[in-house]
C-alpha atoms as a PDB file:
ATOM      1  CA  MET A   1     -23.120  18.585   1.451  1.00  0.00           C
ATOM      2  CA  SER A   2     -22.012  17.805  -2.033  1.00  0.00           C
ATOM      3  CA  THR A   3     -21.077  13.656  -2.147  1.00  0.00           C
ATOM      4  CA  ASP A   4     -18.635  15.086  -5.419  1.00  0.00           C
ATOM      5  CA  ILE A   5     -15.191  14.142  -4.920  1.00  0.00           C
ATOM      6  CA  ARG A   6     -11.885  15.723  -5.727  1.00  0.00           C
ATOM      7  CA  GLN A   7      -8.166  14.279  -5.994  1.00  0.00           C
ATOM      8  CA  VAL A   8      -6.572  15.789  -3.085  1.00  0.00           C
ATOM      9  CA  THR A   9      -2.425  16.050  -2.970  1.00  0.00           C
ATOM     10  CA  VAL A  10      -0.669  15.278  -0.005  1.00  0.00           C
ATOM     11  CA  GLN A  11       2.858  14.858   1.031  1.00  0.00           C
ATOM     12  CA  ILE A  12       3.575  12.758   4.130  1.00  0.00           C
ATOM     13  CA  MET A  13       7.066  12.225   5.110  1.00  0.00           C
ATOM     14  CA  GLY A  14       8.078  13.956   1.415  1.00  0.00           C
ATOM     15  CA  LYS A  15       6.133  11.510  -0.540  1.00  0.00           C
ATOM     16  CA  GLU A  16       2.532  12.921  -1.999  1.00  0.00           C
ATOM     17  CA  TYR A  17       0.029  10.722  -2.121  1.00  0.00           C
ATOM     18  CA  MET A  18      -3.309  11.488  -4.454  1.00  0.00           C
ATOM     19  CA  VAL A  19      -6.318  10.707  -1.768  1.00  0.00           C
ATOM     20  CA  GLY A  20     -10.557  11.321  -3.177  1.00  0.00           C
ATOM     21  CA  CYS A  21     -12.024  13.979  -0.621  1.00  0.00           C
ATOM     22  CA  ARG A  22     -15.399  15.735  -0.879  1.00  0.00           C
ATOM     23  CA  ALA A  23     -15.191  19.188  -0.419  1.00  0.00           C
ATOM     24  CA  HIS A  24     -16.701  20.278   3.006  1.00  0.00           C
ATOM     25  CA  GLU A  25     -13.344  17.048   4.214  1.00  0.00           C
ATOM     26  CA  LEU A  26     -10.646  18.759   3.058  1.00  0.00           C
ATOM     27  CA  ASN A  27     -10.257  20.700   5.541  1.00  0.00           C
ATOM     28  CA  ASP A  28     -10.151  17.193   8.210  1.00  0.00           C
ATOM     29  CA  LEU A  29      -7.848  15.995   4.911  1.00  0.00           C
ATOM     30  CA  LEU A  30      -5.061  17.804   4.905  1.00  0.00           C
ATOM     31  CA  ALA A  31      -5.319  18.239   9.450  1.00  0.00           C
ATOM     32  CA  SER A  32      -4.841  14.726   8.836  1.00  0.00           C
ATOM     33  CA  ALA A  33      -2.047  14.296   6.798  1.00  0.00           C
ATOM     34  CA  LYS A  34      -0.391  16.878   8.947  1.00  0.00           C
ATOM     35  CA  LEU A  35      -0.756  15.518  12.634  1.00  0.00           C
ATOM     36  CA  LEU A  36       0.295  11.366  10.603  1.00  0.00           C
ATOM     37  CA  ASP A  37       3.735  13.271   8.803  1.00  0.00           C
ATOM     38  CA  ARG A  38       4.233  14.803  12.162  1.00  0.00           C
ATOM     39  CA  LYS A  39       3.870  11.084  14.599  1.00  0.00           C
ATOM     40  CA  MET A  40       5.723   9.584  11.611  1.00  0.00           C
ATOM     41  CA  ARG A  41       8.838  11.875  11.648  1.00  0.00           C
ATOM     42  CA  GLU A  42       9.098  11.538  14.951  1.00  0.00           C
ATOM     43  CA  ILE A  43       8.933   7.475  14.687  1.00  0.00           C
ATOM     44  CA  ARG A  44      11.369   7.562  12.492  1.00  0.00           C
ATOM     45  CA  ASP A  45      13.291  10.578  14.114  1.00  0.00           C
ATOM     46  CA  THR A  46      13.610   7.708  16.963  1.00  0.00           C
ATOM     47  CA  GLY A  47      15.696   5.158  15.345  1.00  0.00           C
ATOM     48  CA  LYS A  48      14.304   2.814  16.717  1.00  0.00           C
ATOM     49  CA  ILE A  49      12.076   1.553  13.545  1.00  0.00           C
ATOM     50  CA  ILE A  50      13.121   1.502   9.824  1.00  0.00           C
ATOM     51  CA  GLY A  51      10.892   1.522   6.822  1.00  0.00           C
ATOM     52  CA  THR A  52       8.168   4.004   5.407  1.00  0.00           C
ATOM     53  CA  GLU A  53       5.789   1.250   6.251  1.00  0.00           C
ATOM     54  CA  ARG A  54       6.750   0.037   9.853  1.00  0.00           C
ATOM     55  CA  ILE A  55       6.965   3.565  10.763  1.00  0.00           C
ATOM     56  CA  ALA A  56       3.397   3.811   9.607  1.00  0.00           C
ATOM     57  CA  VAL A  57       2.274   1.041  10.993  1.00  0.00           C
ATOM     58  CA  MET A  58       3.148   2.102  14.285  1.00  0.00           C
ATOM     59  CA  ALA A  59       1.965   6.022  13.679  1.00  0.00           C
ATOM     60  CA  ALA A  60      -1.539   3.840  13.003  1.00  0.00           C
ATOM     61  CA  LEU A  61      -1.431   2.575  15.967  1.00  0.00           C
ATOM     62  CA  ASN A  62      -0.088   5.035  18.370  1.00  0.00           C
ATOM     63  CA  MET A  63      -2.568   7.245  16.974  1.00  0.00           C
ATOM     64  CA  ALA A  64      -5.740   4.504  17.223  1.00  0.00           C
ATOM     65  CA  HIS A  65      -4.626   3.974  21.135  1.00  0.00           C
ATOM     66  CA  GLU A  66      -3.972   7.625  21.848  1.00  0.00           C
ATOM     67  CA  LEU A  67      -8.280   7.826  20.567  1.00  0.00           C
ATOM     68  CA  LEU A  68      -9.518   4.863  22.186  1.00  0.00           C
ATOM     69  CA  ALA A  69      -7.818   5.827  25.668  1.00  0.00           C
ATOM     70  CA  GLY A  70      -8.620   9.307  25.292  1.00  0.00           C
ATOM     71  CA  GLY A  71     -12.497   8.431  26.444  1.00  0.00           C
ATOM     72  CA  VAL A  72     -15.300   7.982  25.213  1.00  0.00           C
ATOM     73  CA  ALA A  73     -14.351   5.533  23.237  1.00  0.00           C
ATOM     74  CA  ALA A  74     -13.688   3.297  25.621  1.00  0.00           C
ATOM     75  CA  THR A  75     -16.686   3.743  27.963  1.00  0.00           C
ATOM     76  CA  ASP A  76     -19.717   3.731  24.995  1.00  0.00           C
ATOM     77  CA  PRO A  77     -19.458   0.663  23.203  1.00  0.00           C
ATOM     78  CA  ALA A  78     -21.914   2.076  20.346  1.00  0.00           C
ATOM     79  CA  ALA A  79     -18.490   5.100  20.101  1.00  0.00           C
ATOM     80  CA  GLN A  80     -16.273   1.900  20.061  1.00  0.00           C
ATOM     81  CA  GLY A  81     -17.472   0.436  17.551  1.00  0.00           C
ATOM     82  CA  ALA A  82     -17.352   3.829  15.351  1.00  0.00           C
ATOM     83  CA  VAL A  83     -14.239   4.184  15.540  1.00  0.00           C
ATOM     84  CA  HIS A  84     -13.355   0.202  15.361  1.00  0.00           C
ATOM     85  CA  ALA A  85     -15.201   0.891  11.550  1.00  0.00           C
ATOM     86  CA  ARG A  86     -13.081   4.257  10.900  1.00  0.00           C
ATOM     87  CA  LEU A  87     -10.152   2.725  12.056  1.00  0.00           C
ATOM     88  CA  LYS A  88     -11.192  -0.704   9.778  1.00  0.00           C
ATOM     89  CA  ALA A  89     -11.776   2.032   6.758  1.00  0.00           C
ATOM     90  CA  MET A  90      -8.805   3.566   7.740  1.00  0.00           C
ATOM     91  CA  GLN A  91      -6.003   0.700   7.443  1.00  0.00           C
ATOM     92  CA  GLU A  92      -8.095  -0.781   4.208  1.00  0.00           C
ATOM     93  CA  LYS A  93      -6.772   2.996   2.140  1.00  0.00           C
ATOM     94  CA  ILE A  94      -3.130   2.229   3.820  1.00  0.00           C
ATOM     95  CA  ASP A  95      -3.254  -1.072   2.373  1.00  0.00           C
ATOM     96  CA  ALA A  96      -4.249   0.597  -0.795  1.00  0.00           C
ATOM     97  CA  VAL A  97      -1.818   3.057  -1.049  1.00  0.00           C
ATOM     98  CA  LEU A  98       1.215   0.907   0.561  1.00  0.00           C
ATOM     99  CA  ALA A  99       0.428  -1.752  -2.430  1.00  0.00           C
ATOM    100  CA  GLN A 100      -0.236   0.867  -5.089  1.00  0.00           C
ATOM    101  CA  ASP A 101       3.266   2.025  -3.947  1.00  0.00           C
ATOM    102  CA  GLU A 102       5.010  -1.082  -3.640  1.00  0.00           C
ATOM    103  CA  HIS A 103       4.315  -1.081  -7.512  1.00  0.00           C
ATOM    104  CA  GLY A 104       5.875   1.611  -8.138  1.00  0.00           C
ATOM    105  CA  MET A 105       2.932   4.004  -9.129  1.00  0.00           C
ATOM    106  CA  LYS A 106       2.703   7.253  -7.462  1.00  0.00           C
ATOM    107  CA  VAL A 107      -0.426   7.179  -5.463  1.00  0.00           C
END
């Protein structure tokens, strides 16, 4: 497994984001970006939530709920801890991207 991280551009709701990714994680990253894009577009299309940041937070909450309600994490404390750690890491990445985006920087 390579530890070399390369920069990959993903598109979410028409915006490009540069994300660091190991080669063996590329397919998962692209699938994740596609899923997030679809979830965010579904939320946006309801017309109930306005603003990319709010839509992103709602999509993340919905996806976390689906993950936790899906089974293993709900009954296995070790799996639940791992899920929470991954969610925290994801939230930190989202916060960093949003902070950069707010300052008009290409992420």
